[in-house]
């Protein structure tokens, strides 16, 4: 390839496709726990960051504002806040903000809640983001560099940046949840069936828990046939549309019922449940 290829649209299409497909090396970072909840009584927390890659890497750490869609994806917030949307980055302090870690090494990030007097009651949320800082040099090794100075070489490295929610609950908050619109979608051909439903949240705080799908035969025998852990509906979202794949078609009884439950982690009974008949 000649250097003039850099200025053509074909180069940029190629580069975008390579990045999207994950071509290149991968640099990994692990963060624990996967969510932080602070309250009026619990005003400090800590997060562990581990370089799980094979090279020494540097990371920037920052609190970012993100919004969850109705289907559970996160989007960066660039405009104004929605009604009821409150952000934790205004009241949470943290340190450090940049670290360099050898392979397998870790760093503790400490968070502290600083609430001003008269703070409005509610749930505040931002996301602690750990972002890889690329090395200054991105050259290929000498034995792999092009011989013709007019040629170009591309080295792509896929970096795994991670973010976890940091939630602050201030005041007397509550939440309720309902499961509605449960539908069983038969799989086409050899594809497994899918259960679709909508989580409806009300109240002043988010919900977080585990979803289980249970098949109940006509004689009362119950068998869990699908599960998803760590599902959230964040304030101010009133709903989250969900779908869970059932293990196999054989998991479903010819007749009976399908029960969907949502349980808060560590709870003794479900927060919400709904059932439909089979078939």
Protein backbone atom coordinates (compact mmCIF):
# COMPACT_ATOMS: atom_id res chain seq x y z
CA UNK A 1 0.00 0.00 0.00
CA UNK A 2 1.19 3.52 -0.76
CA UNK A 3 0.92 6.40 1.66
CA UNK A 4 -1.68 8.14 -0.54
CA UNK A 5 -4.11 5.41 0.57
CA UNK A 6 -4.32 7.17 3.94
CA UNK A 7 -6.26 10.02 2.40
CA UNK A 8 -8.86 7.83 0.71
CA UNK A 9 -12.23 6.82 2.19
CA UNK A 10 -11.29 3.15 1.71
CA UNK A 11 -8.56 3.42 4.37
CA UNK A 12 -10.94 4.73 7.00
CA UNK A 13 -13.57 2.09 6.19
CA UNK A 14 -10.88 -0.61 6.58
CA UNK A 15 -9.66 0.86 9.86
CA UNK A 16 -13.17 1.08 11.34
CA UNK A 17 -13.95 -2.51 10.31
CA UNK A 18 -10.73 -3.82 11.85
CA UNK A 19 -11.39 -2.02 15.14
CA UNK A 20 -14.99 -3.18 15.31
CA UNK A 21 -14.02 -6.80 14.73
CA UNK A 22 -11.48 -6.79 17.55
CA UNK A 23 -8.49 -7.50 15.33
CA UNK A 24 -5.19 -7.03 17.14
CA UNK A 25 -3.90 -7.53 20.64
CA UNK A 26 -6.07 -7.29 23.75
CA UNK A 27 -5.23 -5.54 27.00
CA UNK A 28 -7.42 -6.55 29.95
CA UNK A 29 -8.29 -4.90 33.23
CA UNK A 30 -10.40 -6.36 36.05
CA UNK A 31 -12.40 -4.30 38.54
CA UNK A 32 -14.07 -5.49 41.74
CA UNK A 33 -16.75 -5.12 43.02
CA UNK A 34 -18.90 -4.59 39.94
CA UNK A 35 -21.08 -1.94 41.62
CA UNK A 36 -20.80 0.40 44.58
CA UNK A 37 -23.67 1.62 46.77
CA UNK A 38 -23.11 4.39 49.32
CA UNK A 39 -25.67 5.77 51.78
CA UNK A 40 -26.10 8.32 54.53
CA UNK A 41 -24.57 5.77 56.91
CA UNK A 42 -22.01 4.18 54.58
CA UNK A 43 -20.01 7.10 53.24
CA UNK A 44 -16.85 5.32 52.12
CA UNK A 45 -16.09 2.51 49.70
CA UNK A 46 -13.17 1.03 47.83
CA UNK A 47 -12.68 -0.63 44.46
CA UNK A 48 -9.84 -2.91 43.40
CA UNK A 49 -8.33 -2.55 39.92
CA UNK A 50 -6.13 -5.36 38.57
CA UNK A 51 -4.07 -5.45 35.41
CA UNK A 52 -4.97 -8.90 34.11
CA UNK A 53 -2.94 -8.48 30.94
CA UNK A 54 0.65 -9.44 30.16
CA UNK A 55 2.22 -5.96 29.87
CA UNK A 56 2.68 -3.02 32.24
CA UNK A 57 -0.18 -0.62 31.54
CA UNK A 58 -1.39 2.80 32.64
CA UNK A 59 -5.03 3.67 33.32
CA UNK A 60 -7.03 6.82 33.89
CA UNK A 61 -9.85 6.67 36.44
CA UNK A 62 -12.84 8.99 36.28
CA UNK A 63 -16.50 9.31 37.12
CA UNK A 64 -18.70 9.52 34.03
CA UNK A 65 -22.38 10.13 33.46
CA UNK A 66 -24.21 7.35 31.66
CA UNK A 67 -27.85 6.62 30.89
CA UNK A 68 -29.42 3.17 30.60
CA UNK A 69 -31.73 2.52 27.66
CA UNK A 70 -34.96 0.51 27.90
CA UNK A 71 -33.06 -2.56 26.71
CA UNK A 72 -30.18 -2.26 29.20
CA UNK A 73 -27.43 -0.62 27.14
CA UNK A 74 -25.50 2.35 28.50
CA UNK A 75 -25.04 5.63 26.64
CA UNK A 76 -22.84 8.58 27.54
CA UNK A 77 -24.82 11.65 28.60
CA UNK A 78 -23.90 14.69 26.54
CA UNK A 79 -26.95 16.89 27.07
CA UNK A 80 -29.13 17.96 29.97
CA UNK A 81 -30.30 15.62 32.71
CA UNK A 82 -33.71 14.00 32.44
CA UNK A 83 -36.33 14.64 35.12
CA UNK A 84 -35.34 12.69 38.24
CA UNK A 85 -31.80 12.05 36.97
CA UNK A 86 -29.18 12.83 39.65
CA UNK A 87 -25.42 12.34 39.33
CA UNK A 88 -22.99 11.02 41.95
CA UNK A 89 -19.88 12.65 40.47
CA UNK A 90 -20.95 15.91 42.13
CA UNK A 91 -20.80 14.45 45.64
CA UNK A 92 -18.25 11.59 45.48
CA UNK A 93 -14.51 12.14 45.79
CA UNK A 94 -12.02 9.45 44.80
CA UNK A 95 -8.31 8.74 44.57
CA UNK A 96 -6.08 7.97 42.70
CA UNK A 97 -7.06 9.19 39.23
CA UNK A 98 -4.24 7.57 37.31
CA UNK A 99 -2.26 4.39 37.93
CA UNK A 100 0.45 2.31 36.26
CA UNK A 101 0.28 -1.42 36.99
CA UNK A 102 2.58 -4.31 36.22
CA UNK A 103 0.97 -7.58 35.00
CA UNK A 104 -1.07 -9.07 37.83
CA UNK A 105 -0.63 -6.00 40.05
CA UNK A 106 -3.54 -4.18 41.64
CA UNK A 107 -4.51 -0.77 42.98
CA UNK A 108 -7.15 0.23 45.53
CA UNK A 109 -9.34 3.19 44.56
CA UNK A 110 -10.91 4.86 47.58
CA UNK A 111 -14.21 6.70 47.35
CA UNK A 112 -15.66 9.12 49.88
CA UNK A 113 -19.09 10.71 50.00
CA UNK A 114 -19.16 14.50 50.51
CA UNK A 115 -22.77 15.60 50.79
CA UNK A 116 -23.49 19.32 51.12
CA UNK A 117 -26.15 20.46 53.58
CA UNK A 118 -29.61 20.63 52.10
CA UNK A 119 -28.89 17.99 49.45
CA UNK A 120 -32.08 16.88 47.70
CA UNK A 121 -33.22 13.39 48.70
CA UNK A 122 -32.88 10.79 45.99
CA UNK A 123 -30.64 8.30 44.27
CA UNK A 124 -27.51 9.69 42.63
CA UNK A 125 -25.55 7.65 40.09
CA UNK A 126 -22.40 7.98 38.00
CA UNK A 127 -20.03 5.34 36.63
CA UNK A 128 -16.45 4.78 37.73
CA UNK A 129 -14.62 4.27 34.44
CA UNK A 130 -11.16 2.70 34.14
CA UNK A 131 -9.68 3.57 30.75
CA UNK A 132 -6.46 2.31 29.26
CA UNK A 133 -3.87 4.98 28.38
CA UNK A 134 -2.05 3.97 25.17
CA UNK A 135 1.74 3.90 25.29
CA UNK A 136 3.56 6.80 23.68
CA UNK A 137 5.10 4.53 21.04
CA UNK A 138 2.87 2.55 18.72
CA UNK A 139 5.57 1.48 16.24
CA UNK A 140 5.86 -2.08 15.04
CA UNK A 141 8.99 -4.09 15.99
CA UNK A 142 11.91 -3.37 13.61
CA UNK A 143 11.70 -6.78 11.94
CA UNK A 144 8.06 -6.12 11.04
CA UNK A 145 8.39 -2.55 9.81
CA UNK A 146 7.99 -1.89 6.08
CA UNK A 147 11.12 -1.48 3.99
CA UNK A 148 9.64 1.03 1.54
CA UNK A 149 9.23 4.41 3.31
CA UNK A 150 6.20 5.07 1.11
CA UNK A 151 4.43 2.02 2.48
CA UNK A 152 2.36 2.06 5.67
CA UNK A 153 1.79 -0.52 8.36
CA UNK A 154 -1.05 -0.62 10.81
CA UNK A 155 -0.87 -2.12 14.29
CA UNK A 156 -4.22 -2.30 16.07
CA UNK A 157 -4.58 -3.01 19.77
CA UNK A 158 -7.98 -3.65 21.36
CA UNK A 159 -8.17 -2.17 24.86
CA UNK A 160 -10.75 -3.40 27.36
CA UNK A 161 -12.03 -0.38 29.27
CA UNK A 162 -14.52 -1.05 32.07
CA UNK A 163 -17.02 0.98 34.08
CA UNK A 164 -19.12 0.19 37.15
CA UNK A 165 -22.05 2.12 38.66
CA UNK A 166 -21.42 4.19 41.77
CA UNK A 167 -24.75 4.79 43.51
CA UNK A 168 -25.49 7.18 46.38
CA UNK A 169 -28.81 6.85 48.20
CA UNK A 170 -29.75 9.87 50.28
CA UNK A 171 -32.89 9.96 52.37
CA UNK A 172 -35.78 7.57 52.86
CA UNK A 173 -36.06 5.87 49.47
CA UNK A 174 -38.13 2.95 48.20
CA UNK A 175 -38.80 0.94 45.07
CA UNK A 176 -41.47 -1.40 43.74
CA UNK A 177 -41.30 -3.74 40.75
CA UNK A 178 -43.78 -5.56 38.53
CA UNK A 179 -43.20 -8.05 35.73
CA UNK A 180 -45.55 -7.57 32.80
CA UNK A 181 -46.07 -8.59 29.17
CA UNK A 182 -44.56 -12.08 29.52
CA UNK A 183 -44.44 -13.83 26.15
CA UNK A 184 -42.94 -17.20 25.13
CA UNK A 185 -41.36 -17.11 21.66
CA UNK A 186 -40.84 -20.61 20.18
CA UNK A 187 -37.45 -21.05 18.56
CA UNK A 188 -37.23 -21.53 14.81
CA UNK A 189 -35.87 -24.91 13.78
CA UNK A 190 -33.24 -25.97 16.30
CA UNK A 191 -33.12 -22.56 18.00
CA UNK A 192 -34.14 -22.57 21.70
CA UNK A 193 -37.25 -20.69 22.84
CA UNK A 194 -37.02 -17.16 24.24
CA UNK A 195 -39.03 -15.55 27.05
CA UNK A 196 -39.72 -11.84 26.67
CA UNK A 197 -41.07 -9.57 29.40
CA UNK A 198 -40.93 -6.03 30.76
CA UNK A 199 -39.78 -4.93 34.22
CA UNK A 200 -41.83 -1.98 35.52
CA UNK A 201 -40.11 0.01 38.29
CA UNK A 202 -41.74 2.65 40.47
CA UNK A 203 -40.48 4.57 43.49
CA UNK A 204 -37.42 6.68 44.26
CA UNK A 205 -34.58 4.15 43.91
CA UNK A 206 -33.28 1.59 41.42
CA UNK A 207 -33.71 -2.17 41.67
CA UNK A 208 -30.98 -4.77 41.23
CA UNK A 209 -31.32 -8.53 41.38
CA UNK A 210 -31.55 -11.91 39.68
CA UNK A 211 -34.13 -13.21 37.22
CA UNK A 212 -35.21 -16.85 37.10
CA UNK A 213 -37.53 -18.62 34.66
CA UNK A 214 -39.24 -21.75 36.00
CA UNK A 215 -41.35 -24.30 34.13
CA UNK A 216 -44.20 -25.78 36.17
CA UNK A 217 -45.89 -28.94 34.88
CA UNK A 218 -49.58 -29.74 35.39
CA UNK A 219 -48.69 -32.06 38.29
CA UNK A 220 -46.89 -29.22 40.07
CA UNK A 221 -43.28 -30.21 39.34
CA UNK A 222 -41.13 -27.06 39.04
CA UNK A 223 -37.79 -26.81 37.19
CA UNK A 224 -35.68 -23.71 36.64
CA UNK A 225 -34.90 -23.53 32.93
CA UNK A 226 -33.18 -20.14 32.61
CA UNK A 227 -31.59 -17.46 34.79
CA UNK A 228 -29.78 -14.14 34.52
CA UNK A 229 -28.01 -12.51 37.47
CA UNK A 230 -27.21 -8.86 38.14
CA UNK A 231 -30.11 -7.19 36.32
CA UNK A 232 -30.84 -3.54 37.12
CA UNK A 233 -33.48 -0.95 36.37
CA UNK A 234 -31.91 2.40 37.23
CA UNK A 235 -33.57 5.65 38.20
CA UNK A 236 -35.21 7.41 36.44
CA UNK A 237 -36.10 4.58 34.03
CA UNK A 238 -39.61 3.22 34.63
CA UNK A 239 -39.17 0.10 32.49
CA UNK A 240 -36.60 -2.36 31.16
CA UNK A 241 -37.41 -4.71 28.30
CA UNK A 242 -35.80 -8.11 28.75
CA UNK A 243 -35.45 -11.43 26.96
CA UNK A 244 -33.96 -14.69 28.22
CA UNK A 245 -33.07 -17.75 26.18
CA UNK A 246 -34.32 -21.07 27.54
CA UNK A 247 -31.82 -23.94 27.58
CA UNK A 248 -33.64 -26.23 25.13
CA UNK A 249 -37.11 -26.86 23.78
CA UNK A 250 -37.19 -30.07 25.81
CA UNK A 251 -37.07 -27.94 28.99
CA UNK A 252 -40.68 -26.88 28.43
CA UNK A 253 -43.55 -29.15 29.52
CA UNK A 254 -46.30 -29.90 26.99
CA UNK A 255 -48.76 -28.25 29.38
CA UNK A 256 -48.37 -26.21 32.52
CA UNK A 257 -47.09 -22.74 33.32
CA UNK A 258 -44.03 -20.55 32.91
CA UNK A 259 -43.06 -18.42 35.90
CA UNK A 260 -40.70 -15.44 35.82
CA UNK A 261 -39.34 -14.10 39.12
CA UNK A 262 -37.12 -11.16 40.07
CA UNK A 263 -35.32 -11.42 43.42
CA UNK A 264 -33.09 -8.87 45.07
CA UNK A 265 -29.66 -10.37 45.71
CA UNK A 266 -29.68 -12.02 49.13
CA UNK A 267 -33.47 -11.65 49.48
CA UNK A 268 -35.49 -14.50 50.98
CA UNK A 269 -38.42 -14.12 48.57
CA UNK A 270 -38.99 -12.64 45.10
CA UNK A 271 -39.61 -8.94 44.70
CA UNK A 272 -41.89 -9.60 41.73
CA UNK A 273 -43.21 -12.54 39.70
CA UNK A 274 -45.54 -13.28 36.81
CA UNK A 275 -46.80 -16.46 35.11
CA UNK A 276 -48.28 -17.51 31.79
CA UNK A 277 -49.86 -20.78 30.68
CA UNK A 278 -48.17 -23.34 28.42
CA UNK A 279 -49.10 -23.75 25.62
